[in-house]
N, C-alpha and C. Protein backbone atom coordinates (compact mmCIF):
# COMPACT_ATOMS: atom_id res chain seq x y z
N MET A 1 -13.22 -54.44 -2.82
CA MET A 1 -11.93 -54.36 -2.14
C MET A 1 -10.89 -55.23 -2.84
N GLU A 2 -11.32 -56.39 -3.32
CA GLU A 2 -10.39 -57.30 -3.99
C GLU A 2 -9.81 -56.66 -5.25
N ASP A 3 -10.63 -55.90 -6.00
CA ASP A 3 -10.14 -55.24 -7.20
C ASP A 3 -9.05 -54.22 -6.89
N ALA A 4 -9.26 -53.44 -5.85
CA ALA A 4 -8.25 -52.45 -5.45
C ALA A 4 -6.97 -53.14 -5.01
N HIS A 5 -7.11 -54.24 -4.28
CA HIS A 5 -5.92 -54.97 -3.82
C HIS A 5 -5.15 -55.57 -4.99
N SER A 6 -5.86 -56.16 -5.94
CA SER A 6 -5.16 -56.75 -7.09
C SER A 6 -4.54 -55.67 -7.97
N SER A 7 -5.20 -54.51 -8.08
CA SER A 7 -4.62 -53.39 -8.83
C SER A 7 -3.33 -52.90 -8.17
N MET A 8 -3.34 -52.82 -6.85
CA MET A 8 -2.14 -52.38 -6.12
C MET A 8 -1.00 -53.39 -6.28
N LYS A 9 -1.33 -54.68 -6.24
CA LYS A 9 -0.30 -55.71 -6.45
C LYS A 9 0.28 -55.62 -7.86
N GLU A 10 -0.60 -55.43 -8.86
CA GLU A 10 -0.13 -55.31 -10.23
C GLU A 10 0.73 -54.06 -10.40
N LEU A 11 0.31 -52.94 -9.79
CA LEU A 11 1.08 -51.70 -9.85
C LEU A 11 2.46 -51.90 -9.23
N ALA A 12 2.53 -52.55 -8.09
CA ALA A 12 3.81 -52.80 -7.43
C ALA A 12 4.70 -53.68 -8.30
N ALA A 13 4.13 -54.71 -8.91
CA ALA A 13 4.90 -55.60 -9.77
C ALA A 13 5.41 -54.87 -11.01
N LEU A 14 4.55 -54.06 -11.62
CA LEU A 14 4.96 -53.29 -12.80
C LEU A 14 6.02 -52.27 -12.44
N LYS A 15 5.90 -51.62 -11.30
CA LYS A 15 6.89 -50.63 -10.86
C LYS A 15 8.24 -51.31 -10.67
N LEU A 16 8.25 -52.47 -10.03
CA LEU A 16 9.50 -53.21 -9.83
C LEU A 16 10.11 -53.63 -11.17
N GLU A 17 9.28 -54.14 -12.07
CA GLU A 17 9.78 -54.54 -13.39
C GLU A 17 10.34 -53.34 -14.14
N TYR A 18 9.63 -52.21 -14.07
CA TYR A 18 10.10 -50.98 -14.73
C TYR A 18 11.45 -50.56 -14.18
N ASP A 19 11.60 -50.57 -12.87
CA ASP A 19 12.87 -50.18 -12.27
C ASP A 19 14.01 -51.10 -12.71
N ILE A 20 13.74 -52.39 -12.75
CA ILE A 20 14.76 -53.36 -13.17
C ILE A 20 15.13 -53.13 -14.64
N LEU A 21 14.12 -52.98 -15.50
CA LEU A 21 14.38 -52.76 -16.92
C LEU A 21 15.13 -51.45 -17.15
N SER A 22 14.78 -50.41 -16.41
CA SER A 22 15.46 -49.11 -16.56
C SER A 22 16.94 -49.24 -16.22
N ARG A 23 17.23 -49.88 -15.11
CA ARG A 23 18.64 -50.06 -14.71
C ARG A 23 19.39 -50.89 -15.74
N LYS A 24 18.75 -51.96 -16.20
CA LYS A 24 19.38 -52.82 -17.20
C LYS A 24 19.68 -52.04 -18.48
N LEU A 25 18.72 -51.22 -18.91
CA LEU A 25 18.90 -50.40 -20.11
C LEU A 25 20.03 -49.40 -19.93
N ILE A 26 20.03 -48.70 -18.83
CA ILE A 26 21.05 -47.67 -18.60
C ILE A 26 22.43 -48.31 -18.50
N TYR A 27 22.56 -49.38 -17.71
CA TYR A 27 23.87 -50.02 -17.58
C TYR A 27 24.34 -50.59 -18.90
N GLY A 28 23.43 -51.18 -19.67
CA GLY A 28 23.80 -51.72 -20.97
C GLY A 28 24.25 -50.63 -21.94
N ALA A 29 23.53 -49.51 -21.93
CA ALA A 29 23.88 -48.39 -22.81
C ALA A 29 25.22 -47.79 -22.39
N VAL A 30 25.43 -47.61 -21.10
CA VAL A 30 26.70 -47.06 -20.60
C VAL A 30 27.85 -47.97 -21.01
N GLU A 31 27.66 -49.26 -20.83
CA GLU A 31 28.70 -50.22 -21.20
C GLU A 31 29.01 -50.14 -22.69
N LYS A 32 27.98 -50.04 -23.51
CA LYS A 32 28.16 -49.97 -24.96
C LYS A 32 28.89 -48.69 -25.37
N VAL A 33 28.52 -47.56 -24.77
CA VAL A 33 29.15 -46.29 -25.11
C VAL A 33 30.59 -46.24 -24.65
N PHE A 34 30.86 -46.67 -23.42
CA PHE A 34 32.21 -46.57 -22.89
C PHE A 34 33.13 -47.67 -23.38
N ASP A 35 32.57 -48.75 -23.92
CA ASP A 35 33.41 -49.80 -24.50
C ASP A 35 33.78 -49.50 -25.94
N ASP A 36 33.20 -48.44 -26.51
CA ASP A 36 33.52 -48.04 -27.88
C ASP A 36 34.90 -47.40 -27.88
N LYS A 37 35.89 -48.13 -28.36
CA LYS A 37 37.28 -47.66 -28.34
C LYS A 37 37.61 -46.74 -29.50
N SER A 38 36.64 -46.54 -30.42
CA SER A 38 36.92 -45.71 -31.58
C SER A 38 37.08 -44.24 -31.22
N GLU A 39 36.48 -43.83 -30.12
CA GLU A 39 36.60 -42.44 -29.67
C GLU A 39 37.10 -42.43 -28.23
N PRO A 40 38.35 -42.09 -28.02
CA PRO A 40 38.84 -42.05 -26.64
C PRO A 40 38.16 -40.92 -25.88
N LEU A 41 37.88 -41.18 -24.62
CA LEU A 41 37.24 -40.17 -23.78
C LEU A 41 38.32 -39.46 -22.96
N PRO A 42 38.49 -38.16 -23.18
CA PRO A 42 39.57 -37.43 -22.52
C PRO A 42 39.33 -37.23 -21.03
N TYR A 43 40.41 -36.96 -20.33
CA TYR A 43 40.35 -36.61 -18.90
C TYR A 43 39.62 -37.65 -18.06
N LEU A 44 39.95 -38.91 -18.25
CA LEU A 44 39.24 -39.98 -17.56
C LEU A 44 39.18 -39.76 -16.05
N LYS A 45 40.33 -39.53 -15.43
CA LYS A 45 40.36 -39.36 -13.97
C LYS A 45 39.54 -38.14 -13.55
N ASN A 46 39.76 -37.01 -14.19
CA ASN A 46 39.03 -35.80 -13.83
C ASN A 46 37.55 -35.89 -14.18
N ARG A 47 37.23 -36.59 -15.28
CA ARG A 47 35.83 -36.75 -15.66
C ARG A 47 35.09 -37.51 -14.58
N ASN A 48 35.69 -38.57 -14.06
CA ASN A 48 35.05 -39.36 -13.01
C ASN A 48 34.87 -38.53 -11.74
N HIS A 49 35.86 -37.74 -11.40
CA HIS A 49 35.73 -36.86 -10.24
C HIS A 49 34.63 -35.83 -10.46
N ALA A 50 34.58 -35.29 -11.66
CA ALA A 50 33.54 -34.30 -11.98
C ALA A 50 32.16 -34.92 -11.83
N ILE A 51 31.99 -36.15 -12.31
CA ILE A 51 30.70 -36.83 -12.19
C ILE A 51 30.33 -37.01 -10.73
N LEU A 52 31.28 -37.43 -9.90
CA LEU A 52 31.01 -37.59 -8.47
C LEU A 52 30.62 -36.28 -7.81
N ILE A 53 31.35 -35.24 -8.10
CA ILE A 53 31.07 -33.93 -7.50
C ILE A 53 29.71 -33.42 -7.95
N LEU A 54 29.44 -33.48 -9.25
CA LEU A 54 28.16 -33.00 -9.77
C LEU A 54 27.00 -33.86 -9.29
N GLY A 55 27.25 -35.14 -9.12
CA GLY A 55 26.21 -36.02 -8.59
C GLY A 55 25.81 -35.66 -7.18
N ARG A 56 26.77 -35.22 -6.41
CA ARG A 56 26.49 -34.83 -5.03
C ARG A 56 25.91 -33.43 -4.95
N GLU A 57 26.42 -32.51 -5.75
CA GLU A 57 26.01 -31.11 -5.69
C GLU A 57 24.82 -30.79 -6.59
N LYS A 58 24.55 -31.63 -7.58
CA LYS A 58 23.46 -31.47 -8.55
C LYS A 58 23.69 -30.35 -9.56
N GLU A 59 24.11 -29.19 -9.13
CA GLU A 59 24.29 -28.07 -10.03
C GLU A 59 25.47 -27.24 -9.53
N MET A 60 26.31 -26.81 -10.47
CA MET A 60 27.50 -26.07 -10.08
C MET A 60 28.03 -25.30 -11.28
N MET A 61 28.55 -24.13 -11.01
CA MET A 61 29.17 -23.33 -12.06
C MET A 61 30.49 -23.99 -12.47
N PRO A 62 30.85 -23.92 -13.76
CA PRO A 62 32.12 -24.51 -14.19
C PRO A 62 33.32 -23.97 -13.42
N SER A 63 33.31 -22.70 -13.07
CA SER A 63 34.45 -22.13 -12.33
C SER A 63 34.57 -22.76 -10.93
N THR A 64 33.43 -23.06 -10.30
CA THR A 64 33.46 -23.72 -8.99
C THR A 64 33.97 -25.14 -9.12
N LEU A 65 33.49 -25.83 -10.15
CA LEU A 65 33.95 -27.20 -10.40
C LEU A 65 35.45 -27.20 -10.68
N ALA A 66 35.93 -26.21 -11.41
CA ALA A 66 37.37 -26.09 -11.70
C ALA A 66 38.17 -25.98 -10.40
N ARG A 67 37.67 -25.20 -9.46
CA ARG A 67 38.36 -25.07 -8.16
C ARG A 67 38.39 -26.40 -7.42
N PHE A 68 37.25 -27.13 -7.42
CA PHE A 68 37.19 -28.44 -6.76
C PHE A 68 38.19 -29.41 -7.37
N LEU A 69 38.35 -29.36 -8.70
CA LEU A 69 39.22 -30.30 -9.40
C LEU A 69 40.65 -29.78 -9.55
N ASN A 70 40.88 -28.54 -9.10
CA ASN A 70 42.19 -27.90 -9.23
C ASN A 70 42.63 -27.86 -10.69
N LEU A 71 41.70 -27.41 -11.55
CA LEU A 71 41.95 -27.29 -12.98
C LEU A 71 41.59 -25.89 -13.45
N LYS A 72 42.03 -25.59 -14.67
CA LYS A 72 41.61 -24.34 -15.29
C LYS A 72 40.17 -24.50 -15.77
N LYS A 73 39.47 -23.37 -15.85
CA LYS A 73 38.07 -23.41 -16.29
C LYS A 73 37.95 -24.01 -17.69
N SER A 74 38.92 -23.72 -18.57
CA SER A 74 38.86 -24.26 -19.94
C SER A 74 38.94 -25.79 -19.93
N SER A 75 39.72 -26.35 -19.01
CA SER A 75 39.80 -27.82 -18.91
C SER A 75 38.47 -28.40 -18.45
N VAL A 76 37.83 -27.71 -17.51
CA VAL A 76 36.52 -28.17 -17.02
C VAL A 76 35.49 -28.08 -18.14
N THR A 77 35.57 -27.03 -18.94
CA THR A 77 34.65 -26.90 -20.07
C THR A 77 34.82 -28.08 -21.02
N SER A 78 36.05 -28.51 -21.25
CA SER A 78 36.29 -29.68 -22.11
C SER A 78 35.69 -30.94 -21.50
N ILE A 79 35.83 -31.08 -20.19
CA ILE A 79 35.25 -32.25 -19.50
C ILE A 79 33.74 -32.24 -19.65
N ILE A 80 33.14 -31.07 -19.42
CA ILE A 80 31.68 -30.96 -19.53
C ILE A 80 31.22 -31.27 -20.95
N ASP A 81 31.96 -30.74 -21.93
CA ASP A 81 31.62 -31.02 -23.34
C ASP A 81 31.68 -32.52 -23.63
N SER A 82 32.70 -33.21 -23.12
CA SER A 82 32.81 -34.65 -23.38
C SER A 82 31.69 -35.42 -22.68
N LEU A 83 31.29 -34.96 -21.49
CA LEU A 83 30.19 -35.62 -20.78
C LEU A 83 28.87 -35.43 -21.54
N GLU A 84 28.66 -34.22 -22.09
CA GLU A 84 27.45 -33.97 -22.87
C GLU A 84 27.42 -34.88 -24.10
N GLY A 85 28.59 -35.08 -24.77
CA GLY A 85 28.65 -36.01 -25.90
C GLY A 85 28.31 -37.41 -25.49
N CYS A 86 28.75 -37.82 -24.29
CA CYS A 86 28.43 -39.16 -23.78
C CYS A 86 26.92 -39.32 -23.58
N VAL A 87 26.28 -38.29 -23.05
CA VAL A 87 24.83 -38.35 -22.82
C VAL A 87 24.10 -38.50 -24.15
N GLU A 88 24.54 -37.75 -25.16
CA GLU A 88 23.91 -37.87 -26.48
C GLU A 88 24.05 -39.29 -27.02
N LYS A 89 25.23 -39.88 -26.86
CA LYS A 89 25.46 -41.25 -27.32
C LYS A 89 24.59 -42.23 -26.54
N LEU A 90 24.45 -42.01 -25.22
CA LEU A 90 23.61 -42.88 -24.40
C LEU A 90 22.17 -42.85 -24.88
N VAL A 91 21.66 -41.66 -25.15
CA VAL A 91 20.28 -41.53 -25.62
C VAL A 91 20.13 -42.25 -26.96
N ASP A 92 21.09 -42.07 -27.86
CA ASP A 92 21.02 -42.75 -29.16
C ASP A 92 20.98 -44.26 -28.99
N VAL A 93 21.82 -44.79 -28.12
CA VAL A 93 21.87 -46.24 -27.89
C VAL A 93 20.56 -46.72 -27.26
N MET A 94 20.05 -45.96 -26.29
CA MET A 94 18.84 -46.37 -25.59
C MET A 94 17.60 -46.35 -26.48
N LEU A 95 17.54 -45.43 -27.43
CA LEU A 95 16.36 -45.32 -28.29
C LEU A 95 16.53 -45.98 -29.64
N GLU A 96 17.67 -46.63 -29.83
CA GLU A 96 17.96 -47.31 -31.10
C GLU A 96 16.86 -48.32 -31.43
N GLY A 97 16.38 -48.26 -32.65
CA GLY A 97 15.38 -49.22 -33.11
C GLY A 97 13.94 -48.80 -32.87
N LEU A 98 13.73 -47.68 -32.19
CA LEU A 98 12.37 -47.20 -31.96
C LEU A 98 11.96 -46.26 -33.09
N GLU A 99 10.70 -46.36 -33.47
CA GLU A 99 10.14 -45.45 -34.47
C GLU A 99 9.80 -44.12 -33.78
N GLU A 100 9.65 -43.06 -34.58
CA GLU A 100 9.36 -41.74 -34.02
C GLU A 100 8.06 -41.72 -33.21
N ASP A 101 7.03 -42.42 -33.71
CA ASP A 101 5.76 -42.45 -32.97
C ASP A 101 5.90 -43.22 -31.65
N GLU A 102 6.78 -44.21 -31.61
CA GLU A 102 7.03 -44.93 -30.36
C GLU A 102 7.77 -44.04 -29.36
N ILE A 103 8.69 -43.24 -29.86
CA ILE A 103 9.41 -42.30 -29.00
C ILE A 103 8.43 -41.27 -28.43
N ASP A 104 7.53 -40.77 -29.27
CA ASP A 104 6.52 -39.81 -28.80
C ASP A 104 5.62 -40.43 -27.74
N GLU A 105 5.21 -41.68 -27.97
CA GLU A 105 4.37 -42.38 -27.00
C GLU A 105 5.11 -42.58 -25.68
N MET A 106 6.38 -42.96 -25.78
CA MET A 106 7.19 -43.15 -24.57
C MET A 106 7.36 -41.83 -23.82
N LEU A 107 7.58 -40.76 -24.56
CA LEU A 107 7.73 -39.44 -23.95
C LEU A 107 6.48 -39.05 -23.16
N GLN A 108 5.32 -39.21 -23.78
CA GLN A 108 4.07 -38.90 -23.09
C GLN A 108 3.89 -39.77 -21.85
N SER A 109 4.16 -41.06 -22.00
CA SER A 109 4.02 -41.99 -20.87
C SER A 109 4.98 -41.63 -19.74
N MET A 110 6.23 -41.31 -20.10
CA MET A 110 7.23 -40.97 -19.08
C MET A 110 6.86 -39.68 -18.35
N ARG A 111 6.31 -38.71 -19.09
CA ARG A 111 5.85 -37.48 -18.43
C ARG A 111 4.79 -37.80 -17.38
N SER A 112 3.84 -38.66 -17.74
CA SER A 112 2.79 -39.05 -16.80
C SER A 112 3.36 -39.78 -15.60
N VAL A 113 4.25 -40.74 -15.86
CA VAL A 113 4.85 -41.52 -14.78
C VAL A 113 5.65 -40.62 -13.84
N VAL A 114 6.46 -39.75 -14.40
CA VAL A 114 7.29 -38.87 -13.56
C VAL A 114 6.42 -37.93 -12.74
N ASN A 115 5.37 -37.38 -13.34
CA ASN A 115 4.48 -36.50 -12.59
C ASN A 115 3.81 -37.24 -11.43
N LEU A 116 3.35 -38.48 -11.69
CA LEU A 116 2.76 -39.27 -10.62
C LEU A 116 3.79 -39.65 -9.56
N GLU A 117 5.00 -40.00 -9.98
CA GLU A 117 6.06 -40.34 -9.02
C GLU A 117 6.39 -39.15 -8.13
N ARG A 118 6.42 -37.94 -8.72
CA ARG A 118 6.66 -36.74 -7.92
C ARG A 118 5.58 -36.57 -6.87
N LYS A 119 4.33 -36.76 -7.29
CA LYS A 119 3.20 -36.62 -6.36
C LYS A 119 3.28 -37.66 -5.25
N ILE A 120 3.57 -38.90 -5.60
CA ILE A 120 3.70 -39.96 -4.61
C ILE A 120 4.84 -39.65 -3.64
N ALA A 121 5.98 -39.21 -4.19
CA ALA A 121 7.13 -38.90 -3.34
C ALA A 121 6.82 -37.72 -2.42
N ASP A 122 6.16 -36.68 -2.95
CA ASP A 122 5.78 -35.54 -2.10
C ASP A 122 4.86 -35.97 -0.98
N ASN A 123 3.85 -36.79 -1.31
CA ASN A 123 2.92 -37.26 -0.30
C ASN A 123 3.61 -38.13 0.74
N ALA A 124 4.49 -39.02 0.28
CA ALA A 124 5.17 -39.94 1.20
C ALA A 124 6.16 -39.21 2.09
N LEU A 125 6.85 -38.21 1.55
CA LEU A 125 7.88 -37.52 2.32
C LEU A 125 7.32 -36.40 3.20
N ASN A 126 6.12 -35.95 2.90
CA ASN A 126 5.53 -34.85 3.68
C ASN A 126 4.49 -35.31 4.69
N THR A 127 4.41 -36.62 4.91
CA THR A 127 3.44 -37.11 5.89
C THR A 127 4.10 -37.45 7.19
């Protein structure tokens, strides 16, 4: 029984550390990308609104988002394109300094972690 208890304590501690490190990494990468003044990010006000709307709705057609933002579809497409560029920059910053085999190892590990987290969440929410 003691082994199971100590394993659970270690798992909880590692999960907490992982969550803290993940947030630190994401916030640091976001700060680094958005503080880069060499490339201005267009549609700042509308981009932020788009992020809020998409964060709440999860998935939406560009034409629907255009109606929410009171913009033309072409303007929304530009916003989406700039957001996709930001994501690419974030990934580059987050993985900077890692070797390809380390990225592969992290990918495999993250797949396992996410699959287990899904199972835990399903079990916890469906009981």
